[in-house]
Amino acid sequence: NDIVPMPQIAEHYAISPNHLMKVTQQLTKLGYVESVRGRNGGLRLTRAPKEINI
């Protein structure tokens, strides 16, 4: 799975970066996404999209 930068996700879905941060923290705790820190960081799904049902 590719790592997608948080600003790119926020822009794509037209939501504030702060709101995205709150949502992704919960999704990370639940194991749906993995947070990657650093210069090339962002979010990555932990399984195939078709396997995720929220």
PDB file of N, CA and C in Angstrom:
ATOM      1  N   ASN A   1       0.837  -1.187   0.000  1.00  0.00           N
ATOM      2  CA  ASN A   1       0.000   0.000   0.000  1.00  0.00           C
ATOM      3  C   ASN A   1       0.876   1.242   0.000  1.00  0.00           C
ATOM      4  N   ASP A   2       0.434   2.229  -0.748  1.00  0.00           N
ATOM      5  CA  ASP A   2       1.178   3.479  -0.845  1.00  0.00           C
ATOM      6  C   ASP A   2       0.940   4.364   0.370  1.00  0.00           C
ATOM      7  N   ILE A   3       1.937   5.172   0.692  1.00  0.00           N
ATOM      8  CA  ILE A   3       1.816   6.166   1.751  1.00  0.00           C
ATOM      9  C   ILE A   3       1.310   7.456   1.117  1.00  0.00           C
ATOM     10  N   VAL A   4       0.234   8.000   1.676  1.00  0.00           N
ATOM     11  CA  VAL A   4      -0.354   9.233   1.154  1.00  0.00           C
ATOM     12  C   VAL A   4      -0.191  10.319   2.211  1.00  0.00           C
ATOM     13  N   PRO A   5       0.379  11.475   1.832  1.00  0.00           N
ATOM     14  CA  PRO A   5       0.571  12.563   2.792  1.00  0.00           C
ATOM     15  C   PRO A   5      -0.762  13.099   3.320  1.00  0.00           C
ATOM     16  N   MET A   6      -0.789  13.446   4.601  1.00  0.00           N
ATOM     17  CA  MET A   6      -2.002  13.955   5.237  1.00  0.00           C
ATOM     18  C   MET A   6      -2.565  15.196   4.526  1.00  0.00           C
ATOM     19  N   PRO A   7      -1.743  16.173   4.137  1.00  0.00           N
ATOM     20  CA  PRO A   7      -2.311  17.341   3.448  1.00  0.00           C
ATOM     21  C   PRO A   7      -3.027  16.964   2.147  1.00  0.00           C
ATOM     22  N   GLN A   8      -2.514  15.974   1.451  1.00  0.00           N
ATOM     23  CA  GLN A   8      -3.142  15.523   0.211  1.00  0.00           C
ATOM     24  C   GLN A   8      -4.517  14.908   0.493  1.00  0.00           C
ATOM     25  N   ILE A   9      -4.612  14.141   1.564  1.00  0.00           N
ATOM     26  CA  ILE A   9      -5.889  13.525   1.943  1.00  0.00           C
ATOM     27  C   ILE A   9      -6.892  14.602   2.337  1.00  0.00           C
ATOM     28  N   ALA A  10      -6.460  15.563   3.166  1.00  0.00           N
ATOM     29  CA  ALA A  10      -7.343  16.641   3.616  1.00  0.00           C
ATOM     30  C   ALA A  10      -7.859  17.453   2.429  1.00  0.00           C
ATOM     31  N   GLU A  11      -6.980  17.753   1.487  1.00  0.00           N
ATOM     32  CA  GLU A  11      -7.383  18.524   0.307  1.00  0.00           C
ATOM     33  C   GLU A  11      -8.356  17.724  -0.557  1.00  0.00           C
ATOM     34  N   HIS A  12      -8.066  16.464  -0.769  1.00  0.00           N
ATOM     35  CA  HIS A  12      -8.921  15.618  -1.614  1.00  0.00           C
ATOM     36  C   HIS A  12     -10.350  15.537  -1.072  1.00  0.00           C
ATOM     37  N   TYR A  13     -10.483  15.393   0.242  1.00  0.00           N
ATOM     38  CA  TYR A  13     -11.805  15.259   0.856  1.00  0.00           C
ATOM     39  C   TYR A  13     -12.376  16.586   1.353  1.00  0.00           C
ATOM     40  N   ALA A  14     -11.649  17.678   1.125  1.00  0.00           N
ATOM     41  CA  ALA A  14     -12.083  19.032   1.512  1.00  0.00           C
ATOM     42  C   ALA A  14     -12.444  19.106   2.997  1.00  0.00           C
ATOM     43  N   ILE A  15     -11.544  18.583   3.832  1.00  0.00           N
ATOM     44  CA  ILE A  15     -11.722  18.659   5.275  1.00  0.00           C
ATOM     45  C   ILE A  15     -10.494  19.316   5.883  1.00  0.00           C
ATOM     46  N   SER A  16     -10.648  19.837   7.088  1.00  0.00           N
ATOM     47  CA  SER A  16      -9.522  20.511   7.731  1.00  0.00           C
ATOM     48  C   SER A  16      -8.479  19.480   8.171  1.00  0.00           C
ATOM     49  N   PRO A  17      -7.219  19.854   8.106  1.00  0.00           N
ATOM     50  CA  PRO A  17      -6.160  18.950   8.573  1.00  0.00           C
ATOM     51  C   PRO A  17      -6.340  18.556  10.045  1.00  0.00           C
ATOM     52  N   ASN A  18      -6.859  19.477  10.861  1.00  0.00           N
ATOM     53  CA  ASN A  18      -7.066  19.165  12.282  1.00  0.00           C
ATOM     54  C   ASN A  18      -8.127  18.089  12.456  1.00  0.00           C
ATOM     55  N   HIS A  19      -9.208  18.181  11.706  1.00  0.00           N
ATOM     56  CA  HIS A  19     -10.252  17.163  11.785  1.00  0.00           C
ATOM     57  C   HIS A  19      -9.717  15.816  11.292  1.00  0.00           C
ATOM     58  N   LEU A  20      -8.976  15.847  10.193  1.00  0.00           N
ATOM     59  CA  LEU A  20      -8.391  14.613   9.658  1.00  0.00           C
ATOM     60  C   LEU A  20      -7.485  13.954  10.693  1.00  0.00           C
ATOM     61  N   MET A  21      -6.716  14.761  11.406  1.00  0.00           N
ATOM     62  CA  MET A  21      -5.805  14.229  12.417  1.00  0.00           C
ATOM     63  C   MET A  21      -6.581  13.482  13.494  1.00  0.00           C
ATOM     64  N   LYS A  22      -7.687  14.048  13.953  1.00  0.00           N
ATOM     65  CA  LYS A  22      -8.498  13.403  14.986  1.00  0.00           C
ATOM     66  C   LYS A  22      -9.079  12.075  14.489  1.00  0.00           C
ATOM     67  N   VAL A  23      -9.567  12.077  13.261  1.00  0.00           N
ATOM     68  CA  VAL A  23     -10.164  10.865  12.691  1.00  0.00           C
ATOM     69  C   VAL A  23      -9.102   9.790  12.492  1.00  0.00           C
ATOM     70  N   THR A  24      -7.956  10.168  11.958  1.00  0.00           N
ATOM     71  CA  THR A  24      -6.924   9.174  11.666  1.00  0.00           C
ATOM     72  C   THR A  24      -6.301   8.600  12.933  1.00  0.00           C
ATOM     73  N   GLN A  25      -6.290   9.369  14.010  1.00  0.00           N
ATOM     74  CA  GLN A  25      -5.795   8.816  15.280  1.00  0.00           C
ATOM     75  C   GLN A  25      -6.658   7.637  15.707  1.00  0.00           C
ATOM     76  N   GLN A  26      -7.950   7.783  15.573  1.00  0.00           N
ATOM     77  CA  GLN A  26      -8.862   6.700  15.944  1.00  0.00           C
ATOM     78  C   GLN A  26      -8.717   5.519  14.977  1.00  0.00           C
ATOM     79  N   LEU A  27      -8.622   5.799  13.674  1.00  0.00           N
ATOM     80  CA  LEU A  27      -8.471   4.729  12.686  1.00  0.00           C
ATOM     81  C   LEU A  27      -7.162   3.965  12.892  1.00  0.00           C
ATOM     82  N   THR A  28      -6.131   4.668  13.339  1.00  0.00           N
ATOM     83  CA  THR A  28      -4.850   4.022  13.632  1.00  0.00           C
ATOM     84  C   THR A  28      -4.998   3.099  14.840  1.00  0.00           C
ATOM     85  N   LYS A  29      -5.661   3.579  15.889  1.00  0.00           N
ATOM     86  CA  LYS A  29      -5.879   2.751  17.083  1.00  0.00           C
ATOM     87  C   LYS A  29      -6.671   1.494  16.755  1.00  0.00           C
ATOM     88  N   LEU A  30      -7.623   1.620  15.826  1.00  0.00           N
ATOM     89  CA  LEU A  30      -8.461   0.479  15.451  1.00  0.00           C
ATOM     90  C   LEU A  30      -7.774  -0.454  14.449  1.00  0.00           C
ATOM     91  N   GLY A  31      -6.611  -0.032  13.920  1.00  0.00           N
ATOM     92  CA  GLY A  31      -5.844  -0.887  13.026  1.00  0.00           C
ATOM     93  C   GLY A  31      -6.209  -0.796  11.548  1.00  0.00           C
ATOM     94  N   TYR A  32      -6.981   0.219  11.161  1.00  0.00           N
ATOM     95  CA  TYR A  32      -7.353   0.374   9.754  1.00  0.00           C
ATOM     96  C   TYR A  32      -6.250   1.035   8.929  1.00  0.00           C
ATOM     97  N   VAL A  33      -5.503   1.940   9.569  1.00  0.00           N
ATOM     98  CA  VAL A  33      -4.418   2.635   8.879  1.00  0.00           C
ATOM     99  C   VAL A  33      -3.162   2.604   9.732  1.00  0.00           C
ATOM    100  N   GLU A  34      -2.049   2.828   9.067  1.00  0.00           N
ATOM    101  CA  GLU A  34      -0.755   2.941   9.739  1.00  0.00           C
ATOM    102  C   GLU A  34      -0.255   4.353   9.482  1.00  0.00           C
ATOM    103  N   SER A  35       0.181   5.004  10.535  1.00  0.00           N
ATOM    104  CA  SER A  35       0.721   6.348  10.416  1.00  0.00           C
ATOM    105  C   SER A  35       2.234   6.258  10.265  1.00  0.00           C
ATOM    106  N   VAL A  36       2.753   6.902   9.229  1.00  0.00           N
ATOM    107  CA  VAL A  36       4.192   6.894   8.958  1.00  0.00           C
ATOM    108  C   VAL A  36       4.701   8.312   9.153  1.00  0.00           C
ATOM    109  N   ARG A  37       5.632   8.478  10.083  1.00  0.00           N
ATOM    110  CA  ARG A  37       6.156   9.811  10.374  1.00  0.00           C
ATOM    111  C   ARG A  37       7.357  10.136   9.489  1.00  0.00           C
ATOM    112  N   GLY A  38       7.702  11.420   9.479  1.00  0.00           N
ATOM    113  CA  GLY A  38       8.899  11.833   8.769  1.00  0.00           C
ATOM    114  C   GLY A  38       8.619  12.583   7.494  1.00  0.00           C
ATOM    115  N   ARG A  39       9.691  12.903   6.804  1.00  0.00           N
ATOM    116  CA  ARG A  39       9.615  13.721   5.597  1.00  0.00           C
ATOM    117  C   ARG A  39       8.696  13.103   4.534  1.00  0.00           C
ATOM    118  N   ASN A  40       8.761  11.834   4.351  1.00  0.00           N
ATOM    119  CA  ASN A  40       7.920  11.144   3.366  1.00  0.00           C
ATOM    120  C   ASN A  40       6.765  10.411   4.033  1.00  0.00           C
ATOM    121  N   GLY A  41       6.350  10.909   5.192  1.00  0.00           N
ATOM    122  CA  GLY A  41       5.314  10.254   5.973  1.00  0.00           C
ATOM    123  C   GLY A  41       3.905  10.525   5.471  1.00  0.00           C
ATOM    124  N   GLY A  42       2.970   9.892   6.115  1.00  0.00           N
ATOM    125  CA  GLY A  42       1.564  10.032   5.787  1.00  0.00           C
ATOM    126  C   GLY A  42       0.809   8.836   6.330  1.00  0.00           C
ATOM    127  N   LEU A  43      -0.209   8.441   5.601  1.00  0.00           N
ATOM    128  CA  LEU A  43      -1.028   7.306   6.023  1.00  0.00           C
ATOM    129  C   LEU A  43      -0.987   6.205   4.993  1.00  0.00           C
ATOM    130  N   ARG A  44      -1.118   4.984   5.493  1.00  0.00           N
ATOM    131  CA  ARG A  44      -1.144   3.815   4.620  1.00  0.00           C
ATOM    132  C   ARG A  44      -2.194   2.862   5.182  1.00  0.00           C
ATOM    133  N   LEU A  45      -3.005   2.290   4.298  1.00  0.00           N
ATOM    134  CA  LEU A  45      -3.983   1.295   4.721  1.00  0.00           C
ATOM    135  C   LEU A  45      -3.249   0.036   5.178  1.00  0.00           C
ATOM    136  N   THR A  46      -3.800  -0.633   6.178  1.00  0.00           N
ATOM    137  CA  THR A  46      -3.154  -1.835   6.706  1.00  0.00           C
ATOM    138  C   THR A  46      -3.647  -3.099   6.006  1.00  0.00           C
ATOM    139  N   ARG A  47      -4.684  -2.966   5.181  1.00  0.00           N
ATOM    140  CA  ARG A  47      -5.197  -4.101   4.412  1.00  0.00           C
ATOM    141  C   ARG A  47      -5.831  -3.599   3.128  1.00  0.00           C
ATOM    142  N   ALA A  48      -6.235  -4.482   2.275  1.00  0.00           N
ATOM    143  CA  ALA A  48      -6.827  -4.098   1.000  1.00  0.00           C
ATOM    144  C   ALA A  48      -8.127  -3.313   1.231  1.00  0.00           C
ATOM    145  N   PRO A  49      -8.387  -2.282   0.445  1.00  0.00           N
ATOM    146  CA  PRO A  49      -9.604  -1.481   0.622  1.00  0.00           C
ATOM    147  C   PRO A  49     -10.891  -2.311   0.638  1.00  0.00           C
ATOM    148  N   LYS A  50     -10.951  -3.348  -0.172  1.00  0.00           N
ATOM    149  CA  LYS A  50     -12.179  -4.140  -0.213  1.00  0.00           C
ATOM    150  C   LYS A  50     -12.394  -4.953   1.060  1.00  0.00           C
ATOM    151  N   GLU A  51     -11.353  -5.078   1.886  1.00  0.00           N
ATOM    152  CA  GLU A  51     -11.462  -5.801   3.157  1.00  0.00           C
ATOM    153  C   GLU A  51     -11.881  -4.893   4.310  1.00  0.00           C
ATOM    154  N   ILE A  52     -11.979  -3.586   4.054  1.00  0.00           N
ATOM    155  CA  ILE A  52     -12.306  -2.628   5.104  1.00  0.00           C
ATOM    156  C   ILE A  52     -13.778  -2.237   4.984  1.00  0.00           C
ATOM    157  N   ASN A  53     -14.509  -2.396   6.086  1.00  0.00           N
ATOM    158  CA  ASN A  53     -15.902  -2.031   6.139  1.00  0.00           C
ATOM    159  C   ASN A  53     -16.143  -1.234   7.417  1.00  0.00           C
ATOM    160  N   ILE A  54     -16.402   0.034   7.261  1.00  0.00           N
ATOM    161  CA  ILE A  54     -16.600   0.899   8.433  1.00  0.00           C
ATOM    162  C   ILE A  54     -18.052   1.326   8.484  1.00  0.00           C
TER     163      ILE A  54
END
